[in-house]
Amino acid sequence: MAFGFLEVAVTPAVRAVQEALGVAHMWSNFKGQREFDRFTEREAAFVADRDSFYMATTSETGWPYIQHRGGPRGFLKLLDDRTLAFADYRGNFQYLSIGNLSANSKACLFLMDYPRRARLKMYVHADVVALDADPDMTEKVLDGASGKVERIIRLRLQNFDWNCPQHIVPRFTETELASALQPIRQRLESLEAENAQLRSQLAGKSSPDAHAQ
């Protein structure tokens, strides 16, 4: 359990609910444990393999907004063990996430691996970086990018946690299905070729010329 994550997540209201439901004792001793505030090789590999994630921000009125972000695999770049960044493309011109972040830098990310039923969640502080503000970072983040990029969004890690996979329903992309089904397709092609050869042989044996011989 990522106890540093819970130090952010468990508010007085959450604590009151835990008390009311009789589970507060389960979380009374989590301080002083590992903070989970730096990415390890495990998280780095997980981030590099993602082609999408969900990001939650909050407006000045207190309403949350969850946005799906997608791109080529690895578009969310790990800059160091506490920093991520991604290219922000031109979209529908609503700029809801960007507007929310201008008032409140706090955000929460969910990174999903549906086939393996894994979920990595993070609390981050996000800031918007102009494309010409840090050329080295921009070059790294835009590697493999296409489309109209308007800015870079940099994410500074507060804490992360890995979630229980119990209720994650496995889902597969078209590419993942194609890869998994490739051996079956190859076997079918082999069987079809074998059947065609056998039919040809049987047709030859049953032909009038074959009987005449």
N, C-alpha and C. Protein backbone atom coordinates (compact mmCIF):
# COMPACT_ATOMS: atom_id res chain seq x y z
N MET A 1 0.85 -1.19 0.00
CA MET A 1 0.00 0.00 0.00
C MET A 1 0.88 1.24 0.00
N ALA A 2 0.58 2.17 -0.90
CA ALA A 2 1.37 3.41 -1.00
C ALA A 2 0.87 4.39 0.05
N PHE A 3 1.53 4.40 1.21
CA PHE A 3 1.02 5.19 2.32
C PHE A 3 1.12 6.68 2.07
N GLY A 4 2.13 7.12 1.31
CA GLY A 4 2.21 8.52 0.97
C GLY A 4 0.99 8.98 0.20
N PHE A 5 0.49 8.10 -0.68
CA PHE A 5 -0.72 8.40 -1.44
C PHE A 5 -1.89 8.61 -0.49
N LEU A 6 -1.99 7.77 0.53
CA LEU A 6 -3.11 7.89 1.47
C LEU A 6 -3.02 9.14 2.31
N GLU A 7 -1.82 9.63 2.57
CA GLU A 7 -1.69 10.87 3.33
C GLU A 7 -2.34 12.03 2.58
N VAL A 8 -2.35 11.94 1.25
CA VAL A 8 -3.04 12.95 0.45
C VAL A 8 -4.53 12.64 0.37
N ALA A 9 -4.85 11.37 0.17
CA ALA A 9 -6.23 10.99 -0.13
C ALA A 9 -7.13 10.99 1.10
N VAL A 10 -6.59 10.65 2.27
CA VAL A 10 -7.43 10.53 3.46
C VAL A 10 -7.59 11.90 4.11
N THR A 11 -8.72 12.51 3.89
CA THR A 11 -9.07 13.81 4.45
C THR A 11 -9.89 13.61 5.72
N PRO A 12 -10.18 14.65 6.47
CA PRO A 12 -11.05 14.49 7.65
C PRO A 12 -12.40 13.86 7.30
N ALA A 13 -12.97 14.20 6.16
CA ALA A 13 -14.25 13.61 5.77
C ALA A 13 -14.11 12.11 5.52
N VAL A 14 -13.00 11.73 4.85
CA VAL A 14 -12.76 10.31 4.61
C VAL A 14 -12.54 9.58 5.92
N ARG A 15 -11.76 10.20 6.82
CA ARG A 15 -11.51 9.59 8.13
C ARG A 15 -12.81 9.40 8.89
N ALA A 16 -13.72 10.35 8.80
CA ALA A 16 -15.00 10.23 9.50
C ALA A 16 -15.80 9.05 8.97
N VAL A 17 -15.78 8.84 7.67
CA VAL A 17 -16.48 7.70 7.09
C VAL A 17 -15.83 6.39 7.53
N GLN A 18 -14.49 6.37 7.56
CA GLN A 18 -13.78 5.17 8.03
C GLN A 18 -14.17 4.85 9.47
N GLU A 19 -14.24 5.88 10.29
CA GLU A 19 -14.64 5.69 11.68
C GLU A 19 -16.06 5.14 11.76
N ALA A 20 -16.97 5.73 10.98
CA ALA A 20 -18.37 5.32 11.02
C ALA A 20 -18.55 3.87 10.57
N LEU A 21 -17.69 3.42 9.64
CA LEU A 21 -17.80 2.07 9.11
C LEU A 21 -16.90 1.07 9.83
N GLY A 22 -16.20 1.55 10.86
CA GLY A 22 -15.42 0.65 11.69
C GLY A 22 -14.13 0.15 11.08
N VAL A 23 -13.54 0.90 10.14
CA VAL A 23 -12.30 0.45 9.49
C VAL A 23 -11.14 1.42 9.72
N ALA A 24 -11.34 2.44 10.52
CA ALA A 24 -10.30 3.45 10.71
C ALA A 24 -9.02 2.84 11.28
N HIS A 25 -9.16 1.79 12.10
CA HIS A 25 -7.98 1.17 12.71
C HIS A 25 -7.05 0.56 11.68
N MET A 26 -7.59 0.20 10.52
CA MET A 26 -6.77 -0.40 9.47
C MET A 26 -5.75 0.58 8.91
N TRP A 27 -6.05 1.88 9.03
CA TRP A 27 -5.19 2.91 8.42
C TRP A 27 -4.58 3.84 9.46
N SER A 28 -4.59 3.45 10.70
CA SER A 28 -4.10 4.34 11.76
C SER A 28 -2.59 4.33 11.90
N ASN A 29 -1.91 3.40 11.26
CA ASN A 29 -0.49 3.23 11.48
C ASN A 29 0.34 3.33 10.21
N PHE A 30 -0.14 4.06 9.21
CA PHE A 30 0.56 4.03 7.93
C PHE A 30 1.68 5.06 7.82
N LYS A 31 1.79 5.98 8.75
CA LYS A 31 2.82 7.02 8.63
C LYS A 31 4.21 6.43 8.88
N GLY A 32 5.18 7.02 8.22
CA GLY A 32 6.55 6.57 8.39
C GLY A 32 6.94 5.43 7.48
N GLN A 33 6.03 4.96 6.66
CA GLN A 33 6.34 3.90 5.72
C GLN A 33 6.83 4.51 4.40
N ARG A 34 7.09 3.64 3.43
CA ARG A 34 7.57 4.13 2.14
C ARG A 34 6.60 5.14 1.54
N GLU A 35 7.13 6.22 1.01
CA GLU A 35 6.29 7.32 0.54
C GLU A 35 5.75 7.08 -0.87
N PHE A 36 6.39 6.23 -1.65
CA PHE A 36 5.99 6.03 -3.05
C PHE A 36 5.95 7.36 -3.79
N ASP A 37 7.01 8.14 -3.62
CA ASP A 37 7.06 9.45 -4.25
C ASP A 37 8.16 9.55 -5.31
N ARG A 38 8.72 8.39 -5.69
CA ARG A 38 9.69 8.34 -6.78
C ARG A 38 9.44 7.10 -7.62
N PHE A 39 9.48 7.28 -8.93
CA PHE A 39 9.24 6.15 -9.81
C PHE A 39 10.43 5.20 -9.80
N THR A 40 10.14 3.92 -9.81
CA THR A 40 11.17 2.90 -9.94
C THR A 40 11.15 2.37 -11.38
N GLU A 41 11.98 1.37 -11.65
CA GLU A 41 12.00 0.77 -12.98
C GLU A 41 10.64 0.17 -13.34
N ARG A 42 9.94 -0.34 -12.36
CA ARG A 42 8.62 -0.93 -12.62
C ARG A 42 7.66 0.13 -13.16
N GLU A 43 7.58 1.28 -12.50
CA GLU A 43 6.68 2.33 -12.97
C GLU A 43 7.15 2.90 -14.31
N ALA A 44 8.47 3.03 -14.47
CA ALA A 44 9.00 3.57 -15.73
C ALA A 44 8.60 2.68 -16.91
N ALA A 45 8.72 1.36 -16.74
CA ALA A 45 8.34 0.44 -17.81
C ALA A 45 6.84 0.49 -18.07
N PHE A 46 6.05 0.61 -17.01
CA PHE A 46 4.60 0.67 -17.16
C PHE A 46 4.19 1.93 -17.92
N VAL A 47 4.76 3.07 -17.55
CA VAL A 47 4.44 4.34 -18.21
C VAL A 47 4.83 4.27 -19.69
N ALA A 48 6.02 3.73 -19.98
CA ALA A 48 6.51 3.69 -21.36
C ALA A 48 5.65 2.83 -22.27
N ASP A 49 4.88 1.92 -21.68
CA ASP A 49 4.08 1.00 -22.48
C ASP A 49 2.65 1.48 -22.68
N ARG A 50 2.31 2.62 -22.13
CA ARG A 50 0.93 3.10 -22.21
C ARG A 50 0.69 3.93 -23.47
N ASP A 51 -0.51 3.79 -24.04
CA ASP A 51 -0.92 4.64 -25.16
C ASP A 51 -2.10 5.53 -24.78
N SER A 52 -2.45 5.54 -23.50
CA SER A 52 -3.52 6.43 -23.03
C SER A 52 -3.50 6.50 -21.51
N PHE A 53 -4.16 7.51 -20.98
CA PHE A 53 -4.37 7.61 -19.53
C PHE A 53 -5.53 8.57 -19.30
N TYR A 54 -6.00 8.63 -18.06
CA TYR A 54 -7.07 9.54 -17.66
C TYR A 54 -6.50 10.56 -16.68
N MET A 55 -6.90 11.81 -16.85
CA MET A 55 -6.42 12.88 -15.98
C MET A 55 -7.60 13.66 -15.41
N ALA A 56 -7.63 13.77 -14.08
CA ALA A 56 -8.68 14.52 -13.40
C ALA A 56 -8.13 15.84 -12.89
N THR A 57 -8.86 16.92 -13.18
CA THR A 57 -8.54 18.24 -12.65
C THR A 57 -9.79 18.80 -11.99
N THR A 58 -9.64 19.93 -11.28
CA THR A 58 -10.78 20.51 -10.56
C THR A 58 -10.88 22.00 -10.87
N SER A 59 -12.10 22.46 -11.10
CA SER A 59 -12.33 23.87 -11.42
C SER A 59 -12.41 24.70 -10.14
N GLU A 60 -12.47 26.03 -10.30
CA GLU A 60 -12.61 26.92 -9.14
C GLU A 60 -13.93 26.70 -8.41
N THR A 61 -14.92 26.15 -9.11
CA THR A 61 -16.22 25.90 -8.48
C THR A 61 -16.26 24.54 -7.77
N GLY A 62 -15.15 23.80 -7.83
CA GLY A 62 -15.09 22.52 -7.12
C GLY A 62 -15.52 21.32 -7.94
N TRP A 63 -15.92 21.53 -9.19
CA TRP A 63 -16.35 20.41 -10.02
C TRP A 63 -15.14 19.74 -10.67
N PRO A 64 -15.06 18.40 -10.57
CA PRO A 64 -13.95 17.70 -11.23
C PRO A 64 -14.24 17.52 -12.71
N TYR A 65 -13.17 17.39 -13.47
CA TYR A 65 -13.27 17.10 -14.91
C TYR A 65 -12.24 16.03 -15.24
N ILE A 66 -12.70 14.93 -15.83
CA ILE A 66 -11.82 13.83 -16.19
C ILE A 66 -11.66 13.79 -17.70
N GLN A 67 -10.43 13.80 -18.14
CA GLN A 67 -10.15 13.82 -19.57
C GLN A 67 -9.32 12.60 -19.95
N HIS A 68 -9.67 11.99 -21.08
CA HIS A 68 -8.88 10.90 -21.62
C HIS A 68 -7.79 11.48 -22.52
N ARG A 69 -6.58 11.02 -22.31
CA ARG A 69 -5.46 11.44 -23.14
C ARG A 69 -4.89 10.21 -23.85
N GLY A 70 -4.70 10.33 -25.16
CA GLY A 70 -4.18 9.21 -25.93
C GLY A 70 -3.12 9.64 -26.92
N GLY A 71 -2.34 8.68 -27.38
CA GLY A 71 -1.29 8.95 -28.35
C GLY A 71 -0.54 7.68 -28.66
N PRO A 72 0.56 7.78 -29.38
CA PRO A 72 1.36 6.58 -29.65
C PRO A 72 1.93 6.02 -28.35
N ARG A 73 2.17 4.73 -28.35
CA ARG A 73 2.69 4.09 -27.14
C ARG A 73 3.95 4.81 -26.66
N GLY A 74 3.96 5.19 -25.38
CA GLY A 74 5.10 5.91 -24.82
C GLY A 74 5.02 7.41 -24.96
N PHE A 75 3.85 7.95 -25.35
CA PHE A 75 3.75 9.41 -25.53
C PHE A 75 3.84 10.15 -24.21
N LEU A 76 3.51 9.48 -23.11
CA LEU A 76 3.72 10.06 -21.78
C LEU A 76 5.17 9.77 -21.40
N LYS A 77 5.98 10.82 -21.34
CA LYS A 77 7.42 10.66 -21.19
C LYS A 77 7.84 10.77 -19.72
N LEU A 78 8.74 9.88 -19.31
CA LEU A 78 9.34 9.97 -18.00
C LEU A 78 10.62 10.79 -18.12
N LEU A 79 10.63 11.98 -17.51
CA LEU A 79 11.79 12.87 -17.59
C LEU A 79 12.82 12.55 -16.52
N ASP A 80 12.35 12.21 -15.34
CA ASP A 80 13.22 11.73 -14.26
C ASP A 80 12.34 10.96 -13.29
N ASP A 81 12.88 10.57 -12.14
CA ASP A 81 12.11 9.69 -11.25
C ASP A 81 10.99 10.39 -10.50
N ARG A 82 10.78 11.69 -10.80
CA ARG A 82 9.65 12.38 -10.18
C ARG A 82 8.89 13.27 -11.16
N THR A 83 9.21 13.15 -12.45
CA THR A 83 8.61 14.07 -13.41
C THR A 83 8.19 13.35 -14.69
N LEU A 84 6.97 13.64 -15.13
CA LEU A 84 6.44 13.17 -16.40
C LEU A 84 6.08 14.39 -17.25
N ALA A 85 5.89 14.17 -18.54
CA ALA A 85 5.43 15.25 -19.42
C ALA A 85 4.80 14.65 -20.66
N PHE A 86 3.89 15.39 -21.25
CA PHE A 86 3.28 14.95 -22.51
C PHE A 86 2.92 16.17 -23.35
N ALA A 87 2.80 15.93 -24.65
CA ALA A 87 2.45 16.99 -25.59
C ALA A 87 0.94 17.23 -25.55
N ASP A 88 0.56 18.50 -25.50
CA ASP A 88 -0.86 18.87 -25.50
C ASP A 88 -1.23 19.33 -26.90
N TYR A 89 -2.08 18.55 -27.58
CA TYR A 89 -2.45 18.82 -28.96
C TYR A 89 -3.65 19.75 -29.03
N ARG A 90 -3.77 20.39 -30.16
CA ARG A 90 -4.95 21.21 -30.42
C ARG A 90 -6.17 20.30 -30.51
N GLY A 91 -7.24 20.63 -29.78
CA GLY A 91 -8.42 19.79 -29.75
C GLY A 91 -9.68 20.54 -30.13
N ASN A 92 -10.66 20.51 -29.22
CA ASN A 92 -11.97 21.11 -29.52
C ASN A 92 -12.08 22.56 -29.03
N PHE A 93 -10.96 23.13 -28.61
CA PHE A 93 -10.89 24.54 -28.19
C PHE A 93 -11.68 24.83 -26.91
N GLN A 94 -12.01 23.81 -26.13
CA GLN A 94 -12.67 24.08 -24.85
C GLN A 94 -11.65 24.39 -23.75
N TYR A 95 -10.51 23.74 -23.77
CA TYR A 95 -9.41 23.99 -22.82
C TYR A 95 -9.84 23.86 -21.36
N LEU A 96 -10.66 22.86 -21.08
CA LEU A 96 -11.15 22.68 -19.72
C LEU A 96 -10.04 22.28 -18.76
N SER A 97 -9.23 21.30 -19.15
CA SER A 97 -8.13 20.87 -18.26
C SER A 97 -7.11 21.99 -18.08
N ILE A 98 -6.76 22.66 -19.19
CA ILE A 98 -5.78 23.74 -19.11
C ILE A 98 -6.31 24.86 -18.22
N GLY A 99 -7.58 25.20 -18.37
CA GLY A 99 -8.17 26.24 -17.53
C GLY A 99 -8.18 25.84 -16.07
N ASN A 100 -8.55 24.60 -15.78
CA ASN A 100 -8.55 24.13 -14.39
C ASN A 100 -7.14 24.19 -13.79
N LEU A 101 -6.14 23.77 -14.57
CA LEU A 101 -4.77 23.75 -14.07
C LEU A 101 -4.22 25.16 -13.83
N SER A 102 -4.75 26.12 -14.55
CA SER A 102 -4.30 27.50 -14.34
C SER A 102 -4.74 28.03 -12.98
N ALA A 103 -5.79 27.42 -12.42
CA ALA A 103 -6.29 27.85 -11.12
C ALA A 103 -5.88 26.90 -10.00
N ASN A 104 -5.66 25.64 -10.35
CA ASN A 104 -5.31 24.63 -9.35
C ASN A 104 -4.41 23.60 -10.02
N SER A 105 -3.16 23.54 -9.61
CA SER A 105 -2.19 22.67 -10.27
C SER A 105 -2.35 21.20 -9.92
N LYS A 106 -3.19 20.89 -8.94
CA LYS A 106 -3.33 19.50 -8.50
C LYS A 106 -4.13 18.68 -9.50
N ALA A 107 -3.62 17.49 -9.81
CA ALA A 107 -4.31 16.59 -10.74
C ALA A 107 -4.09 15.16 -10.29
N CYS A 108 -4.95 14.28 -10.78
CA CYS A 108 -4.84 12.85 -10.48
C CYS A 108 -4.86 12.10 -11.81
N LEU A 109 -3.94 11.16 -11.97
CA LEU A 109 -3.84 10.37 -13.20
C LEU A 109 -4.15 8.91 -12.90
N PHE A 110 -4.87 8.28 -13.83
CA PHE A 110 -5.07 6.83 -13.82
C PHE A 110 -4.48 6.27 -15.10
N LEU A 111 -3.53 5.35 -14.98
CA LEU A 111 -2.94 4.66 -16.11
C LEU A 111 -3.40 3.21 -16.05
N MET A 112 -4.04 2.74 -17.13
CA MET A 112 -4.66 1.42 -17.14
C MET A 112 -3.93 0.45 -18.08
N ASP A 113 -3.77 -0.77 -17.61
CA ASP A 113 -3.35 -1.88 -18.46
C ASP A 113 -4.44 -2.93 -18.34
N TYR A 114 -5.42 -2.86 -19.25
CA TYR A 114 -6.58 -3.73 -19.15
C TYR A 114 -6.25 -5.21 -19.37
N PRO A 115 -5.41 -5.56 -20.36
CA PRO A 115 -5.13 -6.99 -20.55
C PRO A 115 -4.51 -7.64 -19.31
N ARG A 116 -3.62 -6.92 -18.61
CA ARG A 116 -2.94 -7.47 -17.43
C ARG A 116 -3.63 -7.07 -16.13
N ARG A 117 -4.73 -6.34 -16.24
CA ARG A 117 -5.54 -5.93 -15.09
C ARG A 117 -4.69 -5.19 -14.06
N ALA A 118 -3.97 -4.17 -14.54
CA ALA A 118 -3.13 -3.36 -13.66
C ALA A 118 -3.53 -1.90 -13.78
N ARG A 119 -3.42 -1.18 -12.66
CA ARG A 119 -3.82 0.24 -12.65
C ARG A 119 -2.85 1.00 -11.76
N LEU A 120 -2.26 2.03 -12.32
CA LEU A 120 -1.35 2.90 -11.58
C LEU A 120 -1.99 4.27 -11.46
N LYS A 121 -2.13 4.76 -10.24
CA LYS A 121 -2.73 6.08 -10.04
C LYS A 121 -1.72 6.99 -9.38
N MET A 122 -1.81 8.27 -9.71
CA MET A 122 -0.83 9.24 -9.23
C MET A 122 -1.51 10.55 -8.84
N TYR A 123 -0.98 11.15 -7.79
CA TYR A 123 -1.25 12.55 -7.51
C TYR A 123 -0.07 13.35 -8.04
N VAL A 124 -0.36 14.41 -8.80
CA VAL A 124 0.71 15.21 -9.39
C VAL A 124 0.36 16.69 -9.28
N HIS A 125 1.38 17.51 -9.43
CA HIS A 125 1.21 18.95 -9.65
C HIS A 125 1.57 19.20 -11.11
N ALA A 126 0.65 19.77 -11.85
CA ALA A 126 0.84 19.98 -13.28
C ALA A 126 1.08 21.44 -13.60
N ASP A 127 1.99 21.69 -14.53
CA ASP A 127 2.16 23.05 -15.02
C ASP A 127 2.31 23.02 -16.54
N VAL A 128 1.93 24.11 -17.15
CA VAL A 128 1.96 24.24 -18.61
C VAL A 128 3.27 24.90 -19.01
N VAL A 129 3.96 24.30 -19.97
CA VAL A 129 5.26 24.79 -20.41
C VAL A 129 5.18 25.14 -21.89
N ALA A 130 5.57 26.34 -22.25
CA ALA A 130 5.60 26.75 -23.65
C ALA A 130 6.62 25.91 -24.41
N LEU A 131 6.36 25.71 -25.71
CA LEU A 131 7.22 24.85 -26.51
C LEU A 131 8.66 25.36 -26.59
N ASP A 132 8.85 26.67 -26.50
CA ASP A 132 10.19 27.24 -26.61
C ASP A 132 10.83 27.53 -25.26
N ALA A 133 10.16 27.13 -24.16
CA ALA A 133 10.69 27.45 -22.84
C ALA A 133 11.85 26.53 -22.44
N ASP A 134 11.78 25.28 -22.87
CA ASP A 134 12.82 24.30 -22.52
C ASP A 134 13.04 23.41 -23.74
N PRO A 135 13.91 23.82 -24.66
CA PRO A 135 14.10 23.09 -25.92
C PRO A 135 14.46 21.62 -25.73
N ASP A 136 15.28 21.30 -24.75
CA ASP A 136 15.67 19.91 -24.53
C ASP A 136 14.47 19.05 -24.13
N MET A 137 13.66 19.57 -23.20
CA MET A 137 12.47 18.84 -22.78
C MET A 137 11.49 18.70 -23.93
N THR A 138 11.29 19.79 -24.66
CA THR A 138 10.36 19.76 -25.80
C THR A 138 10.78 18.72 -26.82
N GLU A 139 12.08 18.65 -27.11
CA GLU A 139 12.57 17.67 -28.08
C GLU A 139 12.28 16.25 -27.62
N LYS A 140 12.47 15.99 -26.34
CA LYS A 140 12.22 14.66 -25.82
C LYS A 140 10.74 14.32 -25.83
N VAL A 141 9.91 15.26 -25.42
CA VAL A 141 8.47 15.01 -25.33
C VAL A 141 7.86 14.86 -26.72
N LEU A 142 8.33 15.63 -27.69
CA LEU A 142 7.75 15.59 -29.03
C LEU A 142 8.29 14.44 -29.88
N ASP A 143 9.19 13.66 -29.36
CA ASP A 143 9.72 12.52 -30.11
C ASP A 143 8.59 11.57 -30.47
N GLY A 144 8.34 11.42 -31.77
CA GLY A 144 7.26 10.56 -32.25
C GLY A 144 5.91 11.23 -32.31
N ALA A 145 5.83 12.50 -31.94
CA ALA A 145 4.54 13.20 -31.94
C ALA A 145 4.16 13.62 -33.36
N SER A 146 2.86 13.68 -33.60
CA SER A 146 2.34 14.19 -34.86
C SER A 146 1.10 15.02 -34.56
N GLY A 147 0.76 15.92 -35.47
CA GLY A 147 -0.37 16.80 -35.21
C GLY A 147 0.10 18.15 -34.67
N LYS A 148 -0.85 19.01 -34.38
CA LYS A 148 -0.58 20.36 -33.93
C LYS A 148 -0.41 20.37 -32.41
N VAL A 149 0.84 20.44 -31.96
CA VAL A 149 1.13 20.51 -30.52
C VAL A 149 1.15 21.97 -30.11
N GLU A 150 0.39 22.32 -29.08
CA GLU A 150 0.30 23.70 -28.63
C GLU A 150 1.18 24.00 -27.42
N ARG A 151 1.45 22.98 -26.60
CA ARG A 151 2.20 23.22 -25.36
C ARG A 151 2.62 21.86 -24.79
N ILE A 152 3.46 21.93 -23.77
CA ILE A 152 3.84 20.74 -23.01
C ILE A 152 3.18 20.83 -21.64
N ILE A 153 2.64 19.72 -21.17
CA ILE A 153 2.13 19.67 -19.79
C ILE A 153 3.09 18.80 -18.98
N ARG A 154 3.69 19.43 -17.97
CA ARG A 154 4.65 18.74 -17.12
C ARG A 154 3.97 18.34 -15.82
N LEU A 155 4.25 17.14 -15.36
CA LEU A 155 3.60 16.58 -14.18
C LEU A 155 4.66 16.23 -13.14
N ARG A 156 4.62 16.89 -12.01
CA ARG A 156 5.58 16.62 -10.94
C ARG A 156 4.91 15.73 -9.89
N LEU A 157 5.49 14.57 -9.68
CA LEU A 157 4.87 13.56 -8.83
C LEU A 157 4.78 13.97 -7.38
N GLN A 158 3.59 13.76 -6.79
CA GLN A 158 3.41 13.87 -5.35
C GLN A 158 3.53 12.47 -4.75
N ASN A 159 2.64 11.58 -5.13
CA ASN A 159 2.68 10.18 -4.71
C ASN A 159 1.96 9.32 -5.73
N PHE A 160 2.27 8.04 -5.73
CA PHE A 160 1.55 7.10 -6.60
C PHE A 160 1.14 5.87 -5.81
N ASP A 161 0.28 5.06 -6.41
CA ASP A 161 -0.16 3.82 -5.79
C ASP A 161 -0.57 2.85 -6.89
N TRP A 162 -0.42 1.57 -6.63
CA TRP A 162 -0.92 0.51 -7.50
C TRP A 162 -2.23 0.00 -6.92
N ASN A 163 -3.24 -0.14 -7.78
CA ASN A 163 -4.55 -0.58 -7.32
C ASN A 163 -4.72 -2.09 -7.41
N CYS A 164 -5.64 -2.58 -6.61
CA CYS A 164 -6.03 -3.99 -6.67
C CYS A 164 -6.66 -4.29 -8.04
N PRO A 165 -6.30 -5.42 -8.68
CA PRO A 165 -6.84 -5.72 -10.02
C PRO A 165 -8.20 -6.40 -10.00
N GLN A 166 -8.78 -6.61 -8.83
CA GLN A 166 -9.94 -7.49 -8.69
C GLN A 166 -11.08 -7.18 -9.66
N HIS A 167 -11.42 -5.91 -9.81
CA HIS A 167 -12.60 -5.57 -10.61
C HIS A 167 -12.25 -4.94 -11.96
N ILE A 168 -11.01 -5.10 -12.40
CA ILE A 168 -10.62 -4.60 -13.72
C ILE A 168 -10.94 -5.67 -14.76
N VAL A 169 -11.85 -5.35 -15.67
CA VAL A 169 -12.25 -6.29 -16.71
C VAL A 169 -11.24 -6.25 -17.85
N PRO A 170 -10.62 -7.38 -18.22
CA PRO A 170 -9.65 -7.36 -19.31
C PRO A 170 -10.26 -6.87 -20.62
N ARG A 171 -9.58 -5.97 -21.29
CA ARG A 171 -9.99 -5.48 -22.60
C ARG A 171 -8.75 -5.44 -23.48
N PHE A 172 -8.96 -5.62 -24.79
CA PHE A 172 -7.83 -5.75 -25.69
C PHE A 172 -8.02 -4.84 -26.90
N THR A 173 -6.94 -4.20 -27.32
CA THR A 173 -6.99 -3.36 -28.50
C THR A 173 -6.96 -4.23 -29.76
N GLU A 174 -7.24 -3.61 -30.89
CA GLU A 174 -7.20 -4.33 -32.16
C GLU A 174 -5.80 -4.89 -32.42
N THR A 175 -4.78 -4.11 -32.09
CA THR A 175 -3.40 -4.56 -32.28
C THR A 175 -3.07 -5.74 -31.38
N GLU A 176 -3.50 -5.68 -30.13
CA GLU A 176 -3.26 -6.77 -29.20
C GLU A 176 -3.97 -8.04 -29.63
N LEU A 177 -5.21 -7.90 -30.11
CA LEU A 177 -5.95 -9.07 -30.59
C LEU A 177 -5.29 -9.67 -31.82
N ALA A 178 -4.84 -8.81 -32.74
CA ALA A 178 -4.18 -9.30 -33.95
C ALA A 178 -2.94 -10.10 -33.61
N SER A 179 -2.17 -9.61 -32.65
CA SER A 179 -0.96 -10.31 -32.24
C SER A 179 -1.29 -11.65 -31.59
N ALA A 180 -2.30 -11.66 -30.71
CA ALA A 180 -2.67 -12.89 -30.01
C ALA A 180 -3.26 -13.93 -30.96
N LEU A 181 -3.96 -13.47 -32.00
CA LEU A 181 -4.62 -14.39 -32.93
C LEU A 181 -3.72 -14.84 -34.07
N GLN A 182 -2.53 -14.23 -34.21
CA GLN A 182 -1.66 -14.56 -35.32
C GLN A 182 -1.32 -16.05 -35.40
N PRO A 183 -0.94 -16.72 -34.30
CA PRO A 183 -0.67 -18.17 -34.38
C PRO A 183 -1.87 -18.97 -34.87
N ILE A 184 -3.08 -18.55 -34.46
CA ILE A 184 -4.29 -19.26 -34.90
C ILE A 184 -4.50 -19.06 -36.40
N ARG A 185 -4.28 -17.82 -36.87
CA ARG A 185 -4.41 -17.56 -38.30
C ARG A 185 -3.40 -18.39 -39.11
N GLN A 186 -2.18 -18.45 -38.61
CA GLN A 186 -1.15 -19.24 -39.31
C GLN A 186 -1.53 -20.71 -39.35
N ARG A 187 -2.07 -21.22 -38.23
CA ARG A 187 -2.50 -22.63 -38.20
C ARG A 187 -3.64 -22.87 -39.15
N LEU A 188 -4.59 -21.95 -39.23
CA LEU A 188 -5.71 -22.08 -40.16
C LEU A 188 -5.23 -22.08 -41.61
N GLU A 189 -4.29 -21.18 -41.92
CA GLU A 189 -3.75 -21.14 -43.27
C GLU A 189 -3.06 -22.45 -43.63
N SER A 190 -2.33 -23.02 -42.66
CA SER A 190 -1.66 -24.30 -42.89
C SER A 190 -2.67 -25.41 -43.13
N LEU A 191 -3.74 -25.43 -42.33
CA LEU A 191 -4.76 -26.45 -42.49
C LEU A 191 -5.52 -26.29 -43.80
N GLU A 192 -5.80 -25.05 -44.18
CA GLU A 192 -6.49 -24.80 -45.45
C GLU A 192 -5.63 -25.26 -46.63
N ALA A 193 -4.32 -25.01 -46.56
CA ALA A 193 -3.43 -25.47 -47.63
C ALA A 193 -3.38 -26.98 -47.68
N GLU A 194 -3.35 -27.61 -46.50
CA GLU A 194 -3.33 -29.08 -46.44
C GLU A 194 -4.62 -29.66 -46.99
N ASN A 195 -5.76 -29.05 -46.65
CA ASN A 195 -7.05 -29.52 -47.16
C ASN A 195 -7.13 -29.36 -48.67
N ALA A 196 -6.62 -28.24 -49.16
CA ALA A 196 -6.64 -28.02 -50.61
C ALA A 196 -5.80 -29.08 -51.32
N GLN A 197 -4.67 -29.44 -50.75
CA GLN A 197 -3.82 -30.46 -51.35
C GLN A 197 -4.51 -31.82 -51.34
N LEU A 198 -5.16 -32.15 -50.22
CA LEU A 198 -5.87 -33.43 -50.13
C LEU A 198 -7.04 -33.49 -51.10
N ARG A 199 -7.77 -32.38 -51.23
CA ARG A 199 -8.89 -32.35 -52.19
C ARG A 199 -8.38 -32.55 -53.61
N SER A 200 -7.24 -31.93 -53.90
CA SER A 200 -6.66 -32.08 -55.23
C SER A 200 -6.26 -33.53 -55.49
N GLN A 201 -5.68 -34.17 -54.50
CA GLN A 201 -5.29 -35.57 -54.65
C GLN A 201 -6.51 -36.47 -54.84
N LEU A 202 -7.56 -36.23 -54.05
CA LEU A 202 -8.78 -37.03 -54.17
C LEU A 202 -9.44 -36.82 -55.52
N ALA A 203 -9.42 -35.57 -55.98
CA ALA A 203 -10.02 -35.28 -57.28
C ALA A 203 -9.25 -36.01 -58.38
N GLY A 204 -7.93 -36.10 -58.24
CA GLY A 204 -7.13 -36.80 -59.24
C GLY A 204 -7.41 -38.28 -59.27
N LYS A 205 -7.61 -38.88 -58.08
CA LYS A 205 -7.88 -40.31 -58.01
C LYS A 205 -9.24 -40.68 -58.55
N SER A 206 -10.21 -39.77 -58.46
CA SER A 206 -11.57 -40.07 -58.91
C SER A 206 -11.83 -39.66 -60.35
N SER A 207 -10.85 -39.09 -61.03
CA SER A 207 -11.05 -38.64 -62.41
C SER A 207 -11.11 -39.84 -63.37
N PRO A 208 -11.78 -39.73 -64.53
CA PRO A 208 -11.89 -40.84 -65.52
C PRO A 208 -10.52 -41.32 -65.95
N ASP A 209 -9.58 -40.43 -66.15
CA ASP A 209 -8.23 -40.84 -66.59
C ASP A 209 -7.58 -41.72 -65.55
N ALA A 210 -7.81 -41.41 -64.24
CA ALA A 210 -7.22 -42.21 -63.19
C ALA A 210 -7.77 -43.62 -63.20
N HIS A 211 -9.13 -43.77 -63.47
CA HIS A 211 -9.75 -45.10 -63.51
C HIS A 211 -9.29 -45.87 -64.74
N ALA A 212 -9.08 -45.17 -65.84
CA ALA A 212 -8.64 -45.84 -67.08
C ALA A 212 -7.28 -46.47 -66.90
N GLN A 213 -6.45 -45.84 -66.10
CA GLN A 213 -5.14 -46.39 -65.85
C GLN A 213 -5.23 -47.64 -64.98
